[in-house]
């Protein structure tokens, strides 16, 4: 009860705040094309370069992890690390498919935090990331693939979706395809959910302190999302501490194939 009251107060505050500081999530669009029109244009090259520079620092051990093109130097903490340990139980090498994993945003800090585990980690990404990933970041344990169907020629112990579904034109179609591969475990991190039966398509406006950009972003009906995951048992979930200017929750879900 106290948590809900807190969220209500903070959400109301953030809604008022955006009246003069327009960063966050806005609108309710009927199509991806209409959301793209309102989002306008942004410089992909600048974002790509920032991710590259931060990822190099992580790869080289100068930073501990990267998020949104920013290198961080504090100790890496992620509650979901325990899920990798559970998925790897009795498994000499955990095969992971990381959809939208950039240049190793999750791979490097996870593999270094769980030194006792062996990984065979494949990242599915845009062609530009894959080209650079194969050139500078790939190892015997880290692979990059631009084509999802090619990646799914193999089987995986765990599929990771790290807050990537909101930024896809057809996220439910991609999720359905990934689930068809029948991985034993699915980890969906920082998944934005809302009450009700319908998904909501917004435009996210990023503050210049990160990088100046706007792009479409989905919020998912939690009942609808749970129905999509009906072949999987929910092992655990937790709320992420993200609170934004619309009434929503960001949650991390860990599923096991029934």
Protein backbone atom coordinates (compact mmCIF):
# COMPACT_ATOMS: atom_id res chain seq x y z
CA UNK A 1 0.00 0.00 0.00
CA UNK A 2 2.74 2.48 0.95
CA UNK A 3 4.65 1.61 -2.22
CA UNK A 4 1.57 2.32 -4.35
CA UNK A 5 0.98 5.66 -2.59
CA UNK A 6 4.63 6.57 -3.17
CA UNK A 7 4.41 5.67 -6.87
CA UNK A 8 1.20 7.71 -7.26
CA UNK A 9 2.76 10.80 -5.69
CA UNK A 10 5.98 10.53 -7.71
CA UNK A 11 4.10 9.88 -10.96
CA UNK A 12 1.91 12.96 -10.38
CA UNK A 13 5.02 15.03 -9.63
CA UNK A 14 6.75 13.86 -12.81
CA UNK A 15 3.68 14.63 -14.89
CA UNK A 16 3.70 18.21 -13.59
CA UNK A 17 7.45 18.44 -14.08
CA UNK A 18 7.18 17.59 -17.77
CA UNK A 19 5.01 20.64 -18.37
CA UNK A 20 8.22 22.68 -18.49
CA UNK A 21 10.84 19.98 -18.98
CA UNK A 22 9.61 17.83 -21.85
CA UNK A 23 11.63 14.65 -21.39
CA UNK A 24 10.05 11.25 -20.84
CA UNK A 25 7.25 9.43 -22.64
CA UNK A 26 4.43 11.23 -24.44
CA UNK A 27 1.36 10.53 -26.53
CA UNK A 28 -0.65 7.48 -27.46
CA UNK A 29 -0.17 6.58 -31.11
CA UNK A 30 -2.17 4.32 -33.39
CA UNK A 31 0.82 3.26 -35.49
CA UNK A 32 4.60 3.15 -35.52
CA UNK A 33 4.63 5.41 -38.60
CA UNK A 34 2.69 8.14 -36.81
CA UNK A 35 4.94 7.90 -33.77
CA UNK A 36 7.98 8.19 -36.03
CA UNK A 37 6.56 11.35 -37.60
CA UNK A 38 6.26 13.02 -34.19
CA UNK A 39 9.60 11.68 -32.99
CA UNK A 40 11.44 13.49 -35.76
CA UNK A 41 15.01 12.67 -36.68
CA UNK A 42 18.12 12.09 -34.63
CA UNK A 43 21.74 11.33 -35.37
CA UNK A 44 22.27 7.56 -35.26
CA UNK A 45 25.98 8.07 -35.90
CA UNK A 46 26.45 10.08 -32.70
CA UNK A 47 24.62 7.46 -30.60
CA UNK A 48 26.58 4.65 -32.24
CA UNK A 49 29.89 6.40 -31.58
CA UNK A 50 29.04 6.95 -27.92
CA UNK A 51 28.13 3.30 -27.47
CA UNK A 52 31.33 2.26 -29.21
CA UNK A 53 33.59 4.45 -27.07
CA UNK A 54 31.93 3.37 -23.82
CA UNK A 55 31.99 -0.30 -24.85
CA UNK A 56 35.70 -0.14 -25.65
CA UNK A 57 36.34 1.16 -22.14
CA UNK A 58 34.40 -1.76 -20.66
CA UNK A 59 36.12 -4.29 -22.92
CA UNK A 60 39.53 -2.95 -21.95
CA UNK A 61 38.75 -2.95 -18.24
CA UNK A 62 38.77 0.84 -17.88
CA UNK A 63 35.03 0.94 -17.00
CA UNK A 64 32.82 -1.67 -15.37
CA UNK A 65 29.75 -1.44 -17.59
CA UNK A 66 27.98 0.62 -20.26
CA UNK A 67 24.38 1.84 -20.50
CA UNK A 68 22.94 4.13 -23.17
CA UNK A 69 26.39 5.02 -24.42
CA UNK A 70 27.64 6.04 -20.99
CA UNK A 71 30.58 4.28 -19.32
CA UNK A 72 30.20 3.60 -15.61
CA UNK A 73 32.99 2.99 -13.14
CA UNK A 74 31.15 1.94 -9.99
CA UNK A 75 30.79 -1.76 -9.08
CA UNK A 76 28.35 -3.59 -11.35
CA UNK A 77 25.19 -4.63 -9.53
CA UNK A 78 22.33 -6.47 -11.22
CA UNK A 79 19.76 -8.54 -9.36
CA UNK A 80 19.30 -10.72 -12.45
CA UNK A 81 22.80 -12.21 -12.10
CA UNK A 82 21.28 -14.89 -9.86
CA UNK A 83 19.09 -16.00 -12.77
CA UNK A 84 22.13 -16.83 -14.88
CA UNK A 85 23.43 -18.98 -12.03
CA UNK A 86 20.12 -20.82 -11.84
CA UNK A 87 20.01 -21.35 -15.59
CA UNK A 88 23.58 -22.66 -15.59
CA UNK A 89 23.05 -25.21 -12.81
CA UNK A 90 24.58 -28.52 -13.97
CA UNK A 91 25.50 -26.93 -17.30
CA UNK A 92 29.22 -26.68 -18.21
CA UNK A 93 28.61 -23.78 -20.61
CA UNK A 94 25.52 -21.57 -20.71
CA UNK A 95 24.36 -20.73 -24.23
CA UNK A 96 22.81 -17.26 -24.28
CA UNK A 97 21.03 -15.43 -27.08
CA UNK A 98 21.12 -11.71 -26.28
CA UNK A 99 18.68 -9.88 -28.54
CA UNK A 100 19.68 -6.23 -28.86
CA UNK A 101 22.80 -6.58 -26.73
CA UNK A 102 24.78 -3.80 -28.48
CA UNK A 103 28.55 -4.48 -28.24
CA UNK A 104 28.35 -6.58 -25.10
CA UNK A 105 26.47 -4.29 -22.70
CA UNK A 106 25.37 -7.30 -20.67
CA UNK A 107 28.01 -9.82 -21.69
CA UNK A 108 31.11 -8.14 -20.29
CA UNK A 109 29.87 -7.22 -16.79
CA UNK A 110 27.93 -10.48 -16.44
CA UNK A 111 30.79 -12.76 -17.46
CA UNK A 112 33.19 -10.86 -15.20
CA UNK A 113 30.78 -10.95 -12.26
CA UNK A 114 30.18 -14.69 -12.66
CA UNK A 115 33.73 -15.90 -13.18
CA UNK A 116 32.80 -19.44 -12.20
CA UNK A 117 30.47 -19.80 -15.21
CA UNK A 118 31.34 -20.47 -18.82
CA UNK A 119 29.32 -18.69 -21.52
CA UNK A 120 28.67 -19.15 -25.21
CA UNK A 121 27.02 -15.78 -25.86
CA UNK A 122 25.46 -14.61 -29.15
CA UNK A 123 24.30 -11.04 -29.66
CA UNK A 124 21.69 -10.28 -32.34
CA UNK A 125 21.98 -6.67 -33.41
CA UNK A 126 21.77 -4.18 -36.26
CA UNK A 127 24.23 -4.70 -39.08
CA UNK A 128 26.50 -1.80 -38.05
CA UNK A 129 26.89 -3.16 -34.53
CA UNK A 130 27.49 -6.67 -35.83
CA UNK A 131 30.19 -5.57 -38.27
CA UNK A 132 32.06 -3.69 -35.57
CA UNK A 133 31.36 -6.36 -32.97
CA UNK A 134 32.93 -9.06 -35.11
CA UNK A 135 35.89 -6.79 -35.84
CA UNK A 136 36.68 -5.56 -32.32
CA UNK A 137 34.72 -7.43 -29.67
CA UNK A 138 34.11 -11.04 -30.75
CA UNK A 139 35.93 -13.81 -28.90
CA UNK A 140 35.64 -17.58 -28.71
CA UNK A 141 32.77 -17.02 -26.28
CA UNK A 142 31.15 -13.88 -27.74
CA UNK A 143 29.55 -13.87 -31.18
CA UNK A 144 27.56 -11.35 -33.22
CA UNK A 145 24.76 -12.04 -35.70
CA UNK A 146 22.63 -9.64 -37.75
CA UNK A 147 20.05 -12.20 -38.89
CA UNK A 148 17.75 -13.60 -36.22
CA UNK A 149 16.86 -16.67 -38.27
CA UNK A 150 20.53 -17.53 -38.67
CA UNK A 151 21.03 -17.15 -34.93
CA UNK A 152 18.07 -19.44 -34.23
CA UNK A 153 19.67 -22.29 -36.17
CA UNK A 154 21.22 -23.08 -32.80
CA UNK A 155 19.47 -23.88 -29.54
CA UNK A 156 19.90 -21.75 -26.42
CA UNK A 157 19.65 -22.28 -22.70
CA UNK A 158 18.61 -18.67 -22.07
CA UNK A 159 17.29 -15.83 -24.19
CA UNK A 160 17.92 -12.33 -22.84
CA UNK A 161 15.85 -9.29 -23.78
CA UNK A 162 17.37 -6.28 -22.07
CA UNK A 163 14.79 -3.49 -22.40
CA UNK A 164 14.77 -3.89 -26.20
CA UNK A 165 11.17 -4.87 -26.96
CA UNK A 166 9.84 -1.32 -26.39
CA UNK A 167 11.91 -0.04 -29.31
CA UNK A 168 10.81 -2.53 -31.96
CA UNK A 169 8.05 -1.80 -34.50
CA UNK A 170 6.54 -5.29 -33.94
CA UNK A 171 7.73 -6.41 -30.52
CA UNK A 172 5.13 -9.13 -29.97
CA UNK A 173 6.01 -10.72 -33.31
CA UNK A 174 9.69 -10.84 -32.33
CA UNK A 175 8.91 -12.20 -28.87
CA UNK A 176 6.69 -14.90 -30.37
CA UNK A 177 9.47 -15.93 -32.77
CA UNK A 178 12.02 -16.12 -29.96
CA UNK A 179 9.68 -18.24 -27.84
CA UNK A 180 9.19 -20.62 -30.76
CA UNK A 181 12.86 -21.53 -30.32
CA UNK A 182 11.90 -23.03 -26.91
CA UNK A 183 14.84 -21.85 -24.83
CA UNK A 184 14.79 -23.35 -21.37
CA UNK A 185 14.84 -19.89 -19.76
CA UNK A 186 13.80 -16.39 -20.81
CA UNK A 187 15.01 -13.26 -19.03
CA UNK A 188 13.19 -10.01 -19.89
CA UNK A 189 14.84 -7.08 -18.15
CA UNK A 190 13.29 -3.66 -17.44
CA UNK A 191 10.08 -4.43 -19.31
CA UNK A 192 7.61 -1.49 -19.15
CA UNK A 193 4.09 -2.66 -18.32
CA UNK A 194 0.76 -0.95 -17.81
CA UNK A 195 -2.66 -2.02 -16.59
CA UNK A 196 -5.46 -2.74 -19.04
CA UNK A 197 -5.75 -4.88 -22.15
CA UNK A 198 -4.08 -2.66 -24.75
CA UNK A 199 -0.46 -1.77 -25.42
CA UNK A 200 0.39 1.93 -25.60
CA UNK A 201 2.75 3.40 -28.16
CA UNK A 202 4.46 6.62 -27.07
CA UNK A 203 7.35 8.82 -28.14
CA UNK A 204 10.29 8.88 -25.75
CA UNK A 205 12.22 12.14 -25.57
CA UNK A 206 15.76 11.73 -24.25
CA UNK A 207 17.40 14.53 -22.23
CA UNK A 208 20.51 16.03 -23.86
CA UNK A 209 22.58 14.97 -20.86
CA UNK A 210 22.42 11.44 -22.32
CA UNK A 211 22.06 12.25 -26.01
CA UNK A 212 19.49 14.32 -27.84
CA UNK A 213 17.00 11.99 -29.47
CA UNK A 214 13.34 11.03 -29.70
CA UNK A 215 11.93 7.71 -30.85
CA UNK A 216 8.84 5.50 -30.52
CA UNK A 217 8.59 3.38 -27.37
CA UNK A 218 5.98 0.81 -26.34
CA UNK A 219 4.37 0.21 -22.98
CA UNK A 220 2.90 -3.27 -22.77
CA UNK A 221 -0.37 -4.46 -21.34
CA UNK A 222 0.72 -6.74 -18.53
CA UNK A 223 -2.24 -9.17 -18.94
CA UNK A 224 -1.56 -9.38 -22.68
CA UNK A 225 2.17 -9.92 -22.07
CA UNK A 226 1.49 -12.71 -19.57
CA UNK A 227 -0.77 -14.42 -22.09
CA UNK A 228 2.08 -14.40 -24.63
CA UNK A 229 4.27 -16.16 -22.05
CA UNK A 230 1.74 -18.94 -21.38
CA UNK A 231 4.16 -21.74 -22.32
CA UNK A 232 6.54 -20.55 -19.63
CA UNK A 233 6.42 -20.64 -15.86
CA UNK A 234 7.23 -17.39 -14.07
CA UNK A 235 10.11 -18.28 -11.76
CA UNK A 236 10.66 -14.81 -10.34
CA UNK A 237 10.24 -11.11 -11.04
CA UNK A 238 11.12 -7.82 -9.41
CA UNK A 239 10.22 -4.17 -9.84
CA UNK A 240 12.91 -1.93 -11.29
CA UNK A 241 13.36 1.48 -9.64
CA UNK A 242 12.38 3.35 -12.80
CA UNK A 243 9.48 5.78 -12.42
CA UNK A 244 8.45 7.88 -15.39
CA UNK A 245 5.85 10.45 -16.30
CA UNK A 246 3.14 7.95 -17.22
CA UNK A 247 1.47 5.45 -14.94
CA UNK A 248 3.57 2.33 -15.48
CA UNK A 249 6.00 -0.11 -13.93
CA UNK A 250 9.28 -1.44 -15.22
CA UNK A 251 9.72 -5.08 -14.24
CA UNK A 252 12.29 -7.81 -14.75
CA UNK A 253 10.82 -11.26 -15.44
CA UNK A 254 12.56 -14.64 -15.29
CA UNK A 255 10.73 -17.55 -16.96
CA UNK A 256 11.31 -21.27 -17.33
CA UNK A 257 9.84 -23.48 -20.05
CA UNK A 258 6.99 -25.58 -18.69
